[in-house]
Every structure is written in C-alpha cells, then in structure tokens.
C-alpha cells in the first residue's frame, strides 16, 4: 500500500491498467479482474462502478457482461482516476496529516513536501493509461 493513495484508489488504477491491457478481450468480468489482480471481487466491482459514473469505465450486464474502458486509454490520465476516487486532498493537505499545517503555520516538512506534491500531480496529469508498459508495471498475469 502506498502512502499517498487510498487502497480504493490503488485498486482503481490497477483495474484501469488491467482493462487497458486486456481491452481486446472486450468486456472483462469482475471475477476475472479480481482473480488476476488478487483483489476482492466485491471491492474491485464497487471501485470500477465509481469510475462508471464519471465516464471512465462502462459496465455491461448479462452473461457476456463485465467492464471495459469507456474512452481511449490515451485520453485517461492517472490524475483523473486519483481525483475521482480520492479527491484533491492528497495535493492540498499536510503529508503528515496535521490539521493546523499551512503556509501560515507550516509543519517541519511543509516546504519540502510542496514541490514534491506539485511534481507528483504534474506526473500523474501528464501520464496516460496508454503509456504504461504492462511488463514493466508487473501487471502481466
């Protein structure tokens, strides 16, 4: 588990990357995604449903149902997924979680975290799902 993102966000990113890598299969069942990524079926299903509302994923019902990308993987940035699932808080709040931290009352790492936060946001904003090499990312099953 990472420090910055919730588990739901991590699973959303993994699920999107999985769908992109396997899009030639068409609709992919929650069972298959869960099994291949070692994630709870209910959790990945609910997570991907969150992305259906925002037009990132399509959910299909029925015998041949499952999930697929709603848009071309080149048009989906990683930041878009993070903002849908976790919101902008990770880019606005104190990395240590201190409620009083801010520019007027900074914590000891405030000035160091700011540039890292902006660099992270920019990296996520400029990285699309299509840019991931599945072999290098470890998602190949």
Protein backbone atom coordinates (compact mmCIF):
# COMPACT_ATOMS: atom_id res chain seq x y z
CA UNK A 1 0.00 0.00 0.00
CA UNK A 2 1.27 3.45 -0.84
CA UNK A 3 1.45 6.41 1.48
CA UNK A 4 -0.45 8.84 -0.74
CA UNK A 5 -3.43 6.97 -2.15
CA UNK A 6 -6.23 5.01 -0.56
CA UNK A 7 -6.46 1.30 -1.23
CA UNK A 8 -9.55 2.01 -3.33
CA UNK A 9 -7.52 4.42 -5.48
CA UNK A 10 -4.71 1.89 -5.88
CA UNK A 11 -7.22 -0.75 -6.98
CA UNK A 12 -8.88 1.71 -9.36
CA UNK A 13 -5.53 2.43 -11.00
CA UNK A 14 -4.71 -1.28 -11.19
CA UNK A 15 -8.15 -2.05 -12.59
CA UNK A 16 -7.93 0.63 -15.27
CA UNK A 17 -4.47 -0.51 -16.32
CA UNK A 18 -5.72 -4.09 -16.43
CA UNK A 19 -8.71 -3.14 -18.59
CA UNK A 20 -6.45 -1.20 -20.95
CA UNK A 21 -4.00 -4.09 -21.28
CA UNK A 22 -6.80 -6.59 -21.91
CA UNK A 23 -9.20 -4.47 -23.93
CA UNK A 24 -9.01 -6.84 -26.90
CA UNK A 25 -10.97 -9.33 -24.75
CA UNK A 26 -13.96 -6.98 -24.73
CA UNK A 27 -15.95 -6.99 -21.52
CA UNK A 28 -14.00 -8.39 -18.61
CA UNK A 29 -15.85 -9.79 -15.61
CA UNK A 30 -15.22 -8.55 -12.10
CA UNK A 31 -14.39 -12.15 -11.20
CA UNK A 32 -11.59 -12.30 -13.77
CA UNK A 33 -10.18 -8.91 -12.77
CA UNK A 34 -10.34 -9.82 -9.09
CA UNK A 35 -8.71 -13.18 -9.64
CA UNK A 36 -5.92 -11.89 -11.88
CA UNK A 37 -5.11 -8.92 -9.63
CA UNK A 38 -5.68 -10.76 -6.32
CA UNK A 39 -8.32 -8.25 -5.24
CA UNK A 40 -11.70 -8.92 -3.65
CA UNK A 41 -14.38 -9.22 -6.34
CA UNK A 42 -16.80 -7.02 -4.42
CA UNK A 43 -14.16 -4.37 -3.80
CA UNK A 44 -12.95 -4.14 -7.41
CA UNK A 45 -16.53 -4.18 -8.66
CA UNK A 46 -17.55 -1.27 -6.41
CA UNK A 47 -14.35 0.57 -7.26
CA UNK A 48 -14.88 0.26 -11.00
CA UNK A 49 -18.54 1.27 -10.57
CA UNK A 50 -17.23 4.55 -9.13
CA UNK A 51 -15.49 5.12 -12.45
CA UNK A 52 -18.62 4.28 -14.44
CA UNK A 53 -20.36 7.38 -13.07
CA UNK A 54 -17.55 9.58 -14.38
CA UNK A 55 -17.40 8.05 -17.85
CA UNK A 56 -14.07 6.24 -17.49
CA UNK A 57 -15.44 2.69 -17.43
CA UNK A 58 -18.51 1.05 -18.94
CA UNK A 59 -20.34 -1.66 -17.02
CA UNK A 60 -22.19 -4.29 -19.03
CA UNK A 61 -24.76 -6.63 -17.51
CA UNK A 62 -25.65 -10.14 -18.52
CA UNK A 63 -23.93 -13.36 -19.44
CA UNK A 64 -21.23 -11.62 -21.51
CA UNK A 65 -21.15 -8.60 -19.20
CA UNK A 66 -18.27 -7.08 -17.36
CA UNK A 67 -16.21 -3.92 -17.52
CA UNK A 68 -14.45 -2.12 -20.34
CA UNK A 69 -12.91 1.30 -20.86
CA UNK A 70 -15.41 3.97 -21.88
CA UNK A 71 -12.73 6.08 -23.52
CA UNK A 72 -9.50 5.60 -25.36
CA UNK A 73 -6.66 4.88 -22.91
CA UNK A 74 -4.68 7.78 -24.39
CA UNK A 75 -7.32 10.20 -23.10
CA UNK A 76 -7.35 8.94 -19.49
CA UNK A 77 -4.73 10.47 -17.20
CA UNK A 78 -3.75 8.84 -13.94
CA UNK A 79 -4.60 12.11 -12.19
CA UNK A 80 -8.17 11.84 -13.42
CA UNK A 81 -8.53 8.46 -11.69
CA UNK A 82 -6.93 9.75 -8.48
CA UNK A 83 -9.20 12.80 -8.36
CA UNK A 84 -12.34 10.72 -8.94
CA UNK A 85 -11.50 8.21 -6.22
CA UNK A 86 -9.50 10.15 -3.61
CA UNK A 87 -10.27 13.75 -4.49
CA UNK A 88 -7.79 16.59 -4.42
CA UNK A 89 -6.97 16.25 -0.71
CA UNK A 90 -3.66 14.49 -1.23
CA UNK A 91 -2.48 17.54 -3.17
CA UNK A 92 -3.80 20.07 -0.66
CA UNK A 93 -3.38 18.59 2.80
CA UNK A 94 -0.35 18.12 5.02
CA UNK A 95 1.60 14.97 4.17
CA UNK A 96 1.84 14.26 7.91
CA UNK A 97 -1.90 14.77 8.35
CA UNK A 98 -1.52 17.72 10.69
CA UNK A 99 -4.74 19.77 10.58
CA UNK A 100 -3.02 23.04 11.52
CA UNK A 101 -0.34 22.83 8.84
CA UNK A 102 -0.48 25.52 6.17
CA UNK A 103 1.53 28.37 4.74
CA UNK A 104 0.93 30.47 7.87
CA UNK A 105 1.69 27.62 10.30
CA UNK A 106 3.86 25.10 8.40
CA UNK A 107 4.92 21.74 9.76
CA UNK A 108 8.62 20.76 9.59
CA UNK A 109 8.25 19.14 6.14
CA UNK A 110 5.80 21.64 4.61
CA UNK A 111 8.34 23.45 2.43
CA UNK A 112 9.87 20.16 1.26
CA UNK A 113 6.54 18.49 0.52
CA UNK A 114 5.16 21.33 -1.62
CA UNK A 115 7.49 20.82 -4.61
CA UNK A 116 7.15 17.03 -4.35
CA UNK A 117 3.37 17.35 -4.26
CA UNK A 118 3.36 19.53 -7.37
CA UNK A 119 5.78 17.23 -9.19
CA UNK A 120 3.59 14.23 -8.30
CA UNK A 121 0.45 15.98 -9.50
CA UNK A 122 2.14 17.00 -12.77
CA UNK A 123 3.46 13.48 -13.35
CA UNK A 124 0.01 11.99 -12.82
CA UNK A 125 -1.60 14.65 -15.03
CA UNK A 126 0.78 14.03 -17.91
CA UNK A 127 0.80 10.23 -17.70
CA UNK A 128 -1.97 8.42 -19.51
CA UNK A 129 -3.12 4.86 -19.12
CA UNK A 130 -1.80 4.08 -22.62
CA UNK A 131 1.77 4.94 -21.57
CA UNK A 132 2.11 2.01 -19.20
CA UNK A 133 4.14 -0.94 -20.30
CA UNK A 134 2.36 -3.91 -18.67
CA UNK A 135 5.54 -5.97 -18.40
CA UNK A 136 7.45 -3.21 -16.61
CA UNK A 137 4.49 -2.39 -14.35
CA UNK A 138 4.21 -6.01 -13.19
CA UNK A 139 0.57 -6.33 -14.27
CA UNK A 140 1.10 -9.15 -16.72
CA UNK A 141 -0.58 -12.26 -15.44
